[in-house]
Amino acid sequence: MTKTDEQWRQLLPPERYRILFKEGTEPPNSSPLDKETRDGTYVCAACFQPLFDSAHKYDSGTGWPSFFDHLPDALGTKRDFKLIWPRTEYHCSRCGGHQGHVFNDGPPPTGKRWCNNGLALEFIPRGEALPELRT
């Protein structure tokens, strides 16, 4: 999927655009998705690709929605050196939208904490149709 930066800017609200395509971060405890507990699917807020199943979500206590696993082939990673120590950030594998960072302090069975910006996601309750992928 390829859209220009300007196309994404016109399509998304400013804060979503900043997080997804300028690799921003929202304040902790600012997203209602952090406390979302219903069954469903979390999709990329930019292109609507499914990224996480609610069965993999847990309360990490960090103030951001966190998951111990993701859907197959949904995410790509790269090293981030914006802070003093390197981190691994991850993006939607379809549109490249920045989602968050992955850490090695999560629960079993993976030991991973996929720490996501709530504004980078949309939650679709189980039983509701997933949105069509953006083209």
C-alpha atoms as a PDB file:
ATOM      1  CA  MET A   1       0.000   0.000   0.000  1.00  0.00           C
ATOM      2  CA  THR A   2       1.398   3.374  -0.928  1.00  0.00           C
ATOM      3  CA  LYS A   3      -0.004   6.751  -0.057  1.00  0.00           C
ATOM      4  CA  THR A   4       1.933   9.961   0.001  1.00  0.00           C
ATOM      5  CA  ASP A   5       2.592  11.754   3.234  1.00  0.00           C
ATOM      6  CA  GLU A   6       0.155  14.450   2.134  1.00  0.00           C
ATOM      7  CA  GLN A   7      -2.577  11.879   1.414  1.00  0.00           C
ATOM      8  CA  TRP A   8      -2.205  10.456   4.937  1.00  0.00           C
ATOM      9  CA  ARG A   9      -2.205  13.975   6.391  1.00  0.00           C
ATOM     10  CA  GLN A  10      -5.512  14.745   4.649  1.00  0.00           C
ATOM     11  CA  LEU A  11      -7.070  11.400   5.585  1.00  0.00           C
ATOM     12  CA  LEU A  12      -6.236  11.267   9.316  1.00  0.00           C
ATOM     13  CA  PRO A  13      -6.876  13.607  12.251  1.00  0.00           C
ATOM     14  CA  PRO A  14      -3.683  15.535  13.179  1.00  0.00           C
ATOM     15  CA  GLU A  15      -2.828  13.535  16.328  1.00  0.00           C
ATOM     16  CA  ARG A  16      -3.302  10.189  14.558  1.00  0.00           C
ATOM     17  CA  TYR A  17      -1.200  11.375  11.651  1.00  0.00           C
ATOM     18  CA  ARG A  18       1.567  12.522  14.041  1.00  0.00           C
ATOM     19  CA  ILE A  19       1.686   9.168  15.811  1.00  0.00           C
ATOM     20  CA  LEU A  20       1.305   6.941  12.765  1.00  0.00           C
ATOM     21  CA  PHE A  21       3.498   8.759  10.247  1.00  0.00           C
ATOM     22  CA  LYS A  22       5.795  10.985  12.303  1.00  0.00           C
ATOM     23  CA  GLU A  23       6.450   8.255  14.916  1.00  0.00           C
ATOM     24  CA  GLY A  24       4.951  10.245  17.762  1.00  0.00           C
ATOM     25  CA  THR A  25       3.731   8.951  21.119  1.00  0.00           C
ATOM     26  CA  GLU A  26       0.565   9.787  23.004  1.00  0.00           C
ATOM     27  CA  PRO A  27       0.632  10.505  26.741  1.00  0.00           C
ATOM     28  CA  PRO A  28       0.242   7.459  28.997  1.00  0.00           C
ATOM     29  CA  ASN A  29      -3.276   6.795  30.307  1.00  0.00           C
ATOM     30  CA  SER A  30      -4.794   8.959  27.574  1.00  0.00           C
ATOM     31  CA  SER A  31      -6.395   6.193  25.487  1.00  0.00           C
ATOM     32  CA  PRO A  32      -9.627   4.464  26.433  1.00  0.00           C
ATOM     33  CA  LEU A  33      -8.266   1.412  24.580  1.00  0.00           C
ATOM     34  CA  ASP A  34      -5.856   0.834  27.473  1.00  0.00           C
ATOM     35  CA  LYS A  35      -8.831  -0.266  29.608  1.00  0.00           C
ATOM     36  CA  GLU A  36     -10.788  -1.959  26.776  1.00  0.00           C
ATOM     37  CA  THR A  37     -11.651  -5.529  27.860  1.00  0.00           C
ATOM     38  CA  ARG A  38     -14.230  -6.714  25.315  1.00  0.00           C
ATOM     39  CA  ASP A  39     -13.508  -9.497  22.823  1.00  0.00           C
ATOM     40  CA  GLY A  40     -12.547  -8.216  19.421  1.00  0.00           C
ATOM     41  CA  THR A  41      -9.844  -7.196  16.993  1.00  0.00           C
ATOM     42  CA  TYR A  42      -7.506  -4.213  17.043  1.00  0.00           C
ATOM     43  CA  VAL A  43      -6.840  -2.824  13.575  1.00  0.00           C
ATOM     44  CA  CYS A  44      -4.410  -0.202  12.280  1.00  0.00           C
ATOM     45  CA  ALA A  45      -6.127   3.203  12.436  1.00  0.00           C
ATOM     46  CA  ALA A  46      -4.549   4.159   9.099  1.00  0.00           C
ATOM     47  CA  CYS A  47      -5.186   1.220   6.756  1.00  0.00           C
ATOM     48  CA  PHE A  48      -7.478  -1.004   8.909  1.00  0.00           C
ATOM     49  CA  GLN A  49      -5.258  -4.093   8.714  1.00  0.00           C
ATOM     50  CA  PRO A  50      -5.955  -6.387  11.696  1.00  0.00           C
ATOM     51  CA  LEU A  51      -2.957  -6.280  14.069  1.00  0.00           C
ATOM     52  CA  PHE A  52      -3.972  -7.805  17.415  1.00  0.00           C
ATOM     53  CA  ASP A  53      -6.613 -10.105  18.847  1.00  0.00           C
ATOM     54  CA  SER A  54      -8.083  -9.168  22.225  1.00  0.00           C
ATOM     55  CA  ALA A  55      -7.075 -12.613  23.547  1.00  0.00           C
ATOM     56  CA  HIS A  56      -3.462 -11.331  23.487  1.00  0.00           C
ATOM     57  CA  LYS A  57      -4.165  -8.084  25.357  1.00  0.00           C
ATOM     58  CA  TYR A  58      -3.211  -7.589  29.003  1.00  0.00           C
ATOM     59  CA  ASP A  59      -2.921  -4.755  31.502  1.00  0.00           C
ATOM     60  CA  SER A  60       0.797  -3.933  31.625  1.00  0.00           C
ATOM     61  CA  GLY A  61       0.290  -1.019  34.029  1.00  0.00           C
ATOM     62  CA  THR A  62       2.148   1.293  31.645  1.00  0.00           C
ATOM     63  CA  GLY A  63      -0.836   3.380  30.544  1.00  0.00           C
ATOM     64  CA  TRP A  64      -0.795   2.133  26.930  1.00  0.00           C
ATOM     65  CA  PRO A  65      -2.675  -0.788  25.357  1.00  0.00           C
ATOM     66  CA  SER A  66      -0.322  -3.783  25.580  1.00  0.00           C
ATOM     67  CA  PHE A  67      -0.306  -7.195  23.950  1.00  0.00           C
ATOM     68  CA  PHE A  68       1.871 -10.275  24.423  1.00  0.00           C
ATOM     69  CA  ASP A  69       1.475 -11.352  20.775  1.00  0.00           C
ATOM     70  CA  HIS A  70       0.255 -10.030  17.430  1.00  0.00           C
ATOM     71  CA  LEU A  71      -1.498 -11.484  14.406  1.00  0.00           C
ATOM     72  CA  PRO A  72       0.746 -13.291  11.892  1.00  0.00           C
ATOM     73  CA  ASP A  73       2.615 -11.044   9.439  1.00  0.00           C
ATOM     74  CA  ALA A  74       0.850  -7.931  10.780  1.00  0.00           C
ATOM     75  CA  LEU A  75       3.886  -6.035  12.081  1.00  0.00           C
ATOM     76  CA  GLY A  76       7.405  -5.115  11.036  1.00  0.00           C
ATOM     77  CA  THR A  77      10.156  -3.924  13.374  1.00  0.00           C
ATOM     78  CA  LYS A  78      13.197  -1.660  13.277  1.00  0.00           C
ATOM     79  CA  ARG A  79      15.705  -0.278  15.792  1.00  0.00           C
ATOM     80  CA  ASP A  80      14.937   3.126  17.287  1.00  0.00           C
ATOM     81  CA  PHE A  81      17.773   5.273  18.676  1.00  0.00           C
ATOM     82  CA  LYS A  82      15.694   8.356  19.621  1.00  0.00           C
ATOM     83  CA  LEU A  83      16.376   7.835  23.334  1.00  0.00           C
ATOM     84  CA  ILE A  84      19.707   7.147  25.029  1.00  0.00           C
ATOM     85  CA  TRP A  85      19.268   3.373  24.726  1.00  0.00           C
ATOM     86  CA  PRO A  86      18.139   1.535  21.577  1.00  0.00           C
ATOM     87  CA  ARG A  87      14.577   0.271  21.419  1.00  0.00           C
ATOM     88  CA  THR A  88      12.643  -1.792  18.888  1.00  0.00           C
ATOM     89  CA  GLU A  89       9.740   0.035  17.317  1.00  0.00           C
ATOM     90  CA  TYR A  90       7.091  -1.641  15.236  1.00  0.00           C
ATOM     91  CA  HIS A  91       4.896  -0.609  12.349  1.00  0.00           C
ATOM     92  CA  CYS A  92       1.884  -1.943  10.476  1.00  0.00           C
ATOM     93  CA  SER A  93       3.309  -4.247   7.803  1.00  0.00           C
ATOM     94  CA  ARG A  94       0.784  -2.993   5.259  1.00  0.00           C
ATOM     95  CA  CYS A  95       0.943   0.821   5.448  1.00  0.00           C
ATOM     96  CA  GLY A  96       4.024   1.396   7.606  1.00  0.00           C
ATOM     97  CA  GLY A  97       2.051   3.267  10.271  1.00  0.00           C
ATOM     98  CA  HIS A  98       4.001   3.513  13.552  1.00  0.00           C
ATOM     99  CA  GLN A  99       2.260   1.580  16.337  1.00  0.00           C
ATOM    100  CA  GLY A 100       4.638   1.536  19.291  1.00  0.00           C
ATOM    101  CA  HIS A 101       7.609  -0.300  20.807  1.00  0.00           C
ATOM    102  CA  VAL A 102       8.165  -3.921  21.806  1.00  0.00           C
ATOM    103  CA  PHE A 103       9.931  -4.872  25.032  1.00  0.00           C
ATOM    104  CA  ASN A 104      11.119  -8.136  26.554  1.00  0.00           C
ATOM    105  CA  ASP A 105       9.245  -7.738  29.858  1.00  0.00           C
ATOM    106  CA  GLY A 106       5.870  -9.197  28.931  1.00  0.00           C
ATOM    107  CA  PRO A 107       4.005 -12.209  30.297  1.00  0.00           C
ATOM    108  CA  PRO A 108       4.238 -15.830  29.149  1.00  0.00           C
ATOM    109  CA  PRO A 109       4.060 -17.426  26.729  1.00  0.00           C
ATOM    110  CA  THR A 110       6.031 -14.911  24.609  1.00  0.00           C
ATOM    111  CA  GLY A 111       7.682 -12.691  27.230  1.00  0.00           C
ATOM    112  CA  LYS A 112       6.986  -9.733  24.894  1.00  0.00           C
ATOM    113  CA  ARG A 113       5.147  -6.489  25.597  1.00  0.00           C
ATOM    114  CA  TRP A 114       3.891  -4.911  22.395  1.00  0.00           C
ATOM    115  CA  CYS A 115       3.187  -1.439  23.821  1.00  0.00           C
ATOM    116  CA  ASN A 116       0.845   0.377  21.430  1.00  0.00           C
ATOM    117  CA  ASN A 117      -0.378   3.929  20.992  1.00  0.00           C
ATOM    118  CA  GLY A 118      -4.154   3.863  21.367  1.00  0.00           C
ATOM    119  CA  LEU A 119      -4.574   6.462  18.612  1.00  0.00           C
ATOM    120  CA  ALA A 120      -2.771   4.123  16.200  1.00  0.00           C
ATOM    121  CA  LEU A 121      -5.522   1.514  16.691  1.00  0.00           C
ATOM    122  CA  GLU A 122      -9.234   1.065  16.175  1.00  0.00           C
ATOM    123  CA  PHE A 123     -11.080  -1.572  18.221  1.00  0.00           C
ATOM    124  CA  ILE A 124     -13.711  -3.684  16.481  1.00  0.00           C
ATOM    125  CA  PRO A 125     -15.884  -5.755  18.883  1.00  0.00           C
ATOM    126  CA  ARG A 126     -16.220  -9.468  18.068  1.00  0.00           C
ATOM    127  CA  GLY A 127     -19.300 -10.021  15.932  1.00  0.00           C
ATOM    128  CA  GLU A 128     -19.013  -6.689  14.122  1.00  0.00           C
ATOM    129  CA  ALA A 129     -17.646  -6.642  10.589  1.00  0.00           C
ATOM    130  CA  LEU A 130     -14.051  -5.536  10.252  1.00  0.00           C
ATOM    131  CA  PRO A 131     -13.658  -2.404   8.132  1.00  0.00           C
ATOM    132  CA  GLU A 132     -12.559  -2.854   4.535  1.00  0.00           C
ATOM    133  CA  LEU A 133      -8.852  -2.318   4.052  1.00  0.00           C
ATOM    134  CA  ARG A 134      -8.048   1.166   2.794  1.00  0.00           C
ATOM    135  CA  THR A 135      -6.548   1.321  -0.648  1.00  0.00           C
END
